[in-house]
Amino acid sequence: MRPSIFAIALAASGAPSALAFTSQNALSRQHATRLLVGSETTPSATKPIEEGSHDELMYALGINLARQLGDIRPLVENSEELTQVARGLLDAVVGKADEMTQREILQRRGDELSATIIERATKVQKKLEETGKAMLKEMSENPEVAALESGVLIHPLEAGPDGFGKGTRPTAASTVKVHYHGTLPDGTVFDSSLGKDPVTIPLGGVIKGWRVGLQHMCEGETAMLGIPPEMGYGDAGTPDGRIPGGAALFFKIQLIEVLSAGIGGGPKLVGADGNELKANKSGSGLLGVDGKPL
């Protein structure tokens, strides 16, 4: 699990890390190349990398280190700032900036750095909260979406083998096997089982939004869940910063199997127009970070 770049930067500057935030996307090769152009420590940054070469192996090492660091883009506002961040990072890594130089500049600009990081992190977090509220409101007005008392929204997408609302559904004590794809309001994919094996998990160990939402699904069904912050990770977010405080969450979930403590049948879901919901073949209307429908 990658650490939040906000948490790392705030710790280095001596500031509190409560506002830590990051997205899960690593810098692309093209973006990284543009970022490094002009740095005296990388004269051959634009040189094409031959597949299978030693250069490619070392480039992979750089990508691996960057993924551990996290995405720095929320911390900077333009390409000029990106260039200087990359320059400072590389100078420290290759030893061009010695330990005394690093300590001196951090002590001299530390308070200003802390204030800048907190200001920008707060701005990003506030925008994410506002976007999430707007998306949940729009989703709730869709007649094909059911709004539960908890605030969790359910958009049925595909029926199970026995038809929509038929078959075994889980209880709060059930263990289930699922595929899932989770995004933040800005489209950032923070977690997904797609392309991997299905996940087996007890509902007693998941966020409230999952526990409540999945109890309204039957085996084989696929649905989009819209989860408000209070049913997700609240104002605190996750410790690693991948999910910031106050963020609404959107999960596309396929309930593959109820492994224990399941019950028959299922509650009727009613949309915004008061009509009973059926499986919706038109899709969720939400887009992933790649711009494709979820």
Protein backbone atom coordinates (compact mmCIF):
# COMPACT_ATOMS: atom_id res chain seq x y z
CA MET A 1 0.00 0.00 0.00
CA ARG A 2 1.47 3.32 -1.07
CA PRO A 3 1.93 6.06 1.53
CA SER A 4 0.27 9.40 0.97
CA ILE A 5 2.56 12.02 -0.51
CA PHE A 6 0.80 14.55 1.71
CA ALA A 7 1.66 12.53 4.81
CA ILE A 8 5.30 12.25 3.74
CA ALA A 9 5.62 15.93 2.90
CA LEU A 10 3.88 17.09 6.06
CA ALA A 11 6.02 14.84 8.23
CA ALA A 12 9.19 16.18 6.61
CA SER A 13 8.14 19.76 7.26
CA GLY A 14 7.04 19.11 10.84
CA ALA A 15 3.39 19.83 10.10
CA PRO A 16 0.44 17.65 11.20
CA SER A 17 -0.64 15.03 8.70
CA ALA A 18 -4.41 15.09 9.28
CA LEU A 19 -5.04 16.49 5.82
CA ALA A 20 -3.05 13.81 4.02
CA PHE A 21 -4.42 13.01 0.59
CA THR A 22 -3.29 11.23 -2.54
CA SER A 23 -4.71 9.60 -5.63
CA GLN A 24 -3.64 6.15 -6.61
CA ASN A 25 -2.46 7.00 -10.13
CA ALA A 26 1.31 6.96 -10.69
CA LEU A 27 2.83 9.47 -13.12
CA SER A 28 2.71 8.23 -16.68
CA ARG A 29 5.95 7.85 -18.64
CA GLN A 30 5.11 10.81 -20.85
CA HIS A 31 4.20 13.01 -17.89
CA ALA A 32 7.33 12.04 -15.99
CA THR A 33 9.50 12.85 -19.01
CA ARG A 34 7.96 16.30 -19.37
CA LEU A 35 8.38 16.85 -15.64
CA LEU A 36 12.11 16.12 -15.76
CA VAL A 37 13.00 18.17 -18.84
CA GLY A 38 15.36 20.97 -17.91
CA SER A 39 16.82 19.27 -14.84
CA GLU A 40 20.61 19.31 -14.89
CA THR A 41 20.65 15.86 -13.30
CA THR A 42 18.74 14.25 -16.18
CA PRO A 43 20.38 15.22 -19.49
CA SER A 44 19.03 12.15 -21.31
CA ALA A 45 15.50 12.13 -19.86
CA THR A 46 13.93 12.41 -23.33
CA LYS A 47 15.99 9.58 -24.85
CA PRO A 48 13.70 6.73 -25.99
CA ILE A 49 13.93 3.63 -23.81
CA GLU A 50 14.43 0.37 -25.68
CA GLU A 51 12.25 -2.50 -24.54
CA GLY A 52 14.26 -5.19 -22.74
CA SER A 53 17.27 -2.91 -22.25
CA HIS A 54 19.17 -2.18 -19.03
CA ASP A 55 17.85 1.40 -19.27
CA GLU A 56 14.32 0.05 -19.13
CA LEU A 57 15.20 -1.99 -16.03
CA MET A 58 16.52 1.13 -14.28
CA TYR A 59 13.49 3.09 -15.45
CA ALA A 60 11.32 0.42 -13.84
CA LEU A 61 13.28 0.92 -10.61
CA GLY A 62 12.44 4.62 -10.77
CA ILE A 63 8.77 3.87 -11.32
CA ASN A 64 8.78 1.48 -8.37
CA LEU A 65 10.30 4.13 -6.09
CA ALA A 66 7.85 6.77 -7.34
CA ARG A 67 4.89 4.49 -6.62
CA GLN A 68 6.08 4.14 -3.04
CA LEU A 69 6.35 7.92 -2.77
CA GLY A 70 2.93 8.61 -4.22
CA ASP A 71 1.43 11.14 -6.61
CA ILE A 72 2.90 14.62 -6.15
CA ARG A 73 0.48 16.37 -8.47
CA PRO A 74 -1.96 17.52 -5.73
CA LEU A 75 0.95 19.46 -4.19
CA VAL A 76 1.81 21.54 -7.26
CA GLU A 77 -0.15 23.90 -9.50
CA ASN A 78 1.80 24.19 -12.76
CA SER A 79 4.60 22.69 -14.86
CA GLU A 80 7.21 25.12 -13.51
CA GLU A 81 6.52 23.97 -9.95
CA LEU A 82 6.64 20.34 -11.10
CA THR A 83 10.06 20.92 -12.62
CA GLN A 84 11.46 22.37 -9.38
CA VAL A 85 9.94 19.57 -7.28
CA ALA A 86 11.55 17.01 -9.59
CA ARG A 87 14.85 18.88 -9.43
CA GLY A 88 14.84 18.91 -5.62
CA LEU A 89 13.93 15.24 -5.50
CA LEU A 90 16.66 14.20 -7.91
CA ASP A 91 19.32 16.43 -6.33
CA ALA A 92 18.60 14.85 -2.94
CA VAL A 93 18.55 11.32 -4.35
CA VAL A 94 21.85 11.57 -6.27
CA GLY A 95 23.60 13.55 -3.54
CA LYS A 96 23.91 16.83 -5.44
CA ALA A 97 22.26 18.52 -2.46
CA ASP A 98 24.18 17.33 0.61
CA GLU A 99 22.64 16.73 4.02
CA MET A 100 23.52 20.18 5.37
CA THR A 101 22.02 21.89 2.33
CA GLN A 102 18.83 19.90 2.67
CA ARG A 103 18.52 20.64 6.39
CA GLU A 104 19.22 24.34 5.89
CA ILE A 105 16.59 24.91 3.22
CA LEU A 106 13.97 22.87 5.11
CA GLN A 107 14.61 24.83 8.31
CA ARG A 108 14.56 28.16 6.49
CA ARG A 109 11.44 27.48 4.40
CA GLY A 110 9.78 24.83 6.59
CA ASP A 111 6.98 26.98 8.03
CA GLU A 112 6.13 28.37 4.61
CA LEU A 113 6.22 24.89 3.11
CA SER A 114 3.87 23.56 5.79
CA ALA A 115 1.40 26.39 5.21
CA THR A 116 1.47 25.85 1.44
CA ILE A 117 0.90 22.11 1.76
CA ILE A 118 -2.01 22.54 4.17
CA GLU A 119 -3.60 25.24 2.01
CA ARG A 120 -3.41 23.16 -1.15
CA ALA A 121 -4.49 19.94 0.53
CA THR A 122 -7.49 21.74 2.03
CA LYS A 123 -8.43 23.14 -1.38
CA VAL A 124 -8.27 19.71 -3.01
CA GLN A 125 -10.24 18.10 -0.19
CA LYS A 126 -12.96 20.77 -0.25
CA LYS A 127 -13.39 20.43 -4.01
CA LEU A 128 -13.66 16.66 -3.67
CA GLU A 129 -16.33 17.00 -0.95
CA GLU A 130 -18.38 19.41 -3.07
CA THR A 131 -18.12 17.19 -6.14
CA GLY A 132 -19.19 14.16 -4.09
CA LYS A 133 -22.28 15.93 -2.73
CA ALA A 134 -23.30 17.01 -6.22
CA MET A 135 -22.84 13.50 -7.63
CA LEU A 136 -24.86 11.90 -4.83
CA LYS A 137 -27.65 14.45 -5.34
CA GLU A 138 -27.73 13.82 -9.08
CA MET A 139 -27.67 10.06 -8.53
CA SER A 140 -30.54 10.24 -6.01
CA GLU A 141 -32.76 12.03 -8.54
CA ASN A 142 -32.46 9.16 -11.01
CA PRO A 143 -35.73 7.15 -10.98
CA GLU A 144 -33.67 3.96 -11.40
CA VAL A 145 -31.85 4.58 -8.10
CA ALA A 146 -33.08 3.60 -4.64
CA ALA A 147 -32.24 5.85 -1.68
CA LEU A 148 -31.96 3.98 1.63
CA GLU A 149 -32.67 5.62 5.00
CA SER A 150 -28.93 5.51 5.74
CA GLY A 151 -28.22 7.76 2.75
CA VAL A 152 -26.69 4.94 0.72
CA LEU A 153 -27.85 4.93 -2.91
CA ILE A 154 -28.28 1.74 -4.96
CA HIS A 155 -28.44 1.67 -8.75
CA PRO A 156 -29.24 -1.89 -9.92
CA LEU A 157 -27.35 -2.77 -13.09
CA GLU A 158 -27.62 -6.52 -13.69
CA ALA A 159 -30.00 -9.15 -12.33
CA GLY A 160 -28.92 -12.47 -10.86
CA PRO A 161 -29.58 -15.86 -12.49
CA ASP A 162 -33.05 -16.10 -10.90
CA GLY A 163 -34.10 -12.57 -11.83
CA PHE A 164 -33.89 -9.23 -10.08
CA GLY A 165 -34.59 -9.33 -6.34
CA LYS A 166 -34.63 -13.13 -6.29
CA GLY A 167 -32.15 -15.48 -4.69
CA THR A 168 -30.04 -15.48 -1.55
CA ARG A 169 -29.12 -12.14 -0.05
CA PRO A 170 -26.63 -11.52 2.77
CA THR A 171 -27.26 -10.41 6.32
CA ALA A 172 -24.99 -8.11 8.33
CA ALA A 173 -23.24 -11.24 9.61
CA SER A 174 -22.68 -12.84 6.20
CA THR A 175 -19.43 -13.55 4.43
CA VAL A 176 -19.62 -12.76 0.72
CA LYS A 177 -17.60 -13.21 -2.45
CA VAL A 178 -17.57 -10.09 -4.62
CA HIS A 179 -15.91 -8.20 -7.42
CA TYR A 180 -15.76 -4.45 -6.84
CA HIS A 181 -14.45 -1.22 -8.37
CA GLY A 182 -14.20 1.84 -6.10
CA THR A 183 -13.76 5.44 -7.22
CA LEU A 184 -13.62 8.87 -5.63
CA PRO A 185 -15.86 11.68 -6.96
CA ASP A 186 -13.06 12.90 -9.25
CA GLY A 187 -12.89 9.49 -10.95
CA THR A 188 -9.76 8.31 -9.14
CA VAL A 189 -9.81 4.53 -8.73
CA PHE A 190 -8.65 3.90 -5.16
CA ASP A 191 -9.31 0.17 -5.03
CA SER A 192 -10.50 -2.54 -7.39
CA SER A 193 -10.61 -6.30 -7.72
CA LEU A 194 -11.09 -6.19 -11.49
CA GLY A 195 -8.44 -8.20 -13.27
CA LYS A 196 -7.82 -10.13 -10.05
CA ASP A 197 -9.51 -12.94 -8.16
CA PRO A 198 -12.84 -12.17 -6.47
CA VAL A 199 -12.59 -11.04 -2.85
CA THR A 200 -14.09 -13.02 0.04
CA ILE A 201 -14.92 -10.76 2.95
CA PRO A 202 -17.16 -10.72 6.07
CA LEU A 203 -19.66 -7.85 6.04
CA GLY A 204 -18.87 -7.26 9.69
CA GLY A 205 -15.45 -6.01 8.63
CA VAL A 206 -16.39 -3.50 5.92
CA ILE A 207 -17.58 0.11 5.91
CA LYS A 208 -21.22 0.73 6.83
CA GLY A 209 -22.14 1.68 3.28
CA TRP A 210 -21.11 -1.74 2.01
CA ARG A 211 -22.79 -3.58 4.88
CA VAL A 212 -26.09 -1.78 4.34
CA GLY A 213 -26.01 -1.76 0.56
CA LEU A 214 -25.11 -5.40 0.04
CA GLN A 215 -28.02 -6.51 2.23
CA HIS A 216 -30.27 -5.11 -0.50
CA MET A 217 -28.65 -7.23 -3.21
CA CYS A 218 -29.14 -10.88 -4.14
CA GLU A 219 -26.60 -13.40 -5.39
CA GLY A 220 -25.47 -12.71 -8.93
CA GLU A 221 -26.64 -9.10 -9.00
CA THR A 222 -24.47 -6.13 -9.93
CA ALA A 223 -25.17 -2.62 -8.64
CA MET A 224 -23.58 0.79 -8.24
CA LEU A 225 -23.48 2.05 -4.65
CA GLY A 226 -23.25 5.75 -3.86
CA ILE A 227 -21.93 6.05 -0.31
CA PRO A 228 -21.95 9.35 1.63
CA PRO A 229 -18.91 10.10 3.84
CA GLU A 230 -20.67 9.21 7.10
CA MET A 231 -21.27 5.70 5.74
CA GLY A 232 -17.72 5.43 4.44
CA TYR A 233 -14.57 6.75 6.11
CA GLY A 234 -16.09 9.89 7.62
CA ASP A 235 -14.15 13.09 8.19
CA ALA A 236 -10.92 11.25 8.97
CA GLY A 237 -10.46 9.30 5.74
CA THR A 238 -8.04 6.37 5.63
CA PRO A 239 -4.71 6.41 7.51
CA ASP A 240 -2.72 6.07 4.28
CA GLY A 241 -4.47 9.08 2.74
CA ARG A 242 -5.80 7.23 -0.29
CA ILE A 243 -9.33 8.21 0.71
CA PRO A 244 -9.43 11.75 2.11
CA GLY A 245 -11.79 12.84 4.85
CA GLY A 246 -15.27 13.86 3.75
CA ALA A 247 -15.13 11.95 0.46
CA ALA A 248 -18.19 10.26 -1.02
CA LEU A 249 -17.43 6.83 -2.47
CA PHE A 250 -18.81 5.08 -5.54
CA PHE A 251 -18.57 1.30 -5.82
CA LYS A 252 -19.64 -0.94 -8.66
CA ILE A 253 -20.17 -4.30 -6.93
CA GLN A 254 -20.98 -7.74 -8.27
CA LEU A 255 -22.30 -9.99 -5.50
CA ILE A 256 -20.99 -13.32 -6.75
CA GLU A 257 -21.92 -15.53 -3.81
CA VAL A 258 -23.26 -15.39 -0.25
CA LEU A 259 -21.04 -17.85 1.60
CA SER A 260 -22.66 -17.81 5.04
CA ALA A 261 -25.69 -16.57 6.97
CA GLY A 262 -27.72 -15.76 3.86
CA ILE A 263 -31.50 -15.46 3.71
CA GLY A 264 -33.93 -15.94 0.85
CA GLY A 265 -35.64 -13.27 -1.19
CA GLY A 266 -34.93 -9.58 -1.02
CA PRO A 267 -36.51 -6.23 -0.18
CA LYS A 268 -38.20 -4.25 -2.93
CA LEU A 269 -36.17 -1.25 -4.02
CA VAL A 270 -38.08 1.88 -4.98
CA GLY A 271 -36.67 4.64 -7.17
CA ALA A 272 -37.12 8.40 -6.98
CA ASP A 273 -40.39 8.12 -8.95
CA GLY A 274 -41.88 5.62 -6.47
CA ASN A 275 -41.75 2.68 -8.86
CA GLU A 276 -40.15 -0.67 -8.05
CA LEU A 277 -36.67 -0.97 -9.52
CA LYS A 278 -35.55 -3.56 -12.03
CA ALA A 279 -32.11 -4.28 -13.45
CA ASN A 280 -30.92 -1.34 -15.56
CA LYS A 281 -29.06 -2.34 -18.70
CA SER A 282 -28.09 1.22 -19.62
CA GLY A 283 -25.19 1.41 -17.18
CA SER A 284 -24.45 3.48 -14.10
CA GLY A 285 -23.77 6.77 -15.87
CA LEU A 286 -20.52 7.15 -13.91
CA LEU A 287 -17.10 7.28 -15.53
CA GLY A 288 -13.83 5.84 -14.27
CA VAL A 289 -10.47 7.60 -14.25
CA ASP A 290 -9.91 6.30 -17.80
CA GLY A 291 -13.06 8.03 -19.00
CA LYS A 292 -14.88 4.76 -19.64
CA PRO A 293 -18.31 3.96 -18.14
CA LEU A 294 -18.14 2.05 -14.85
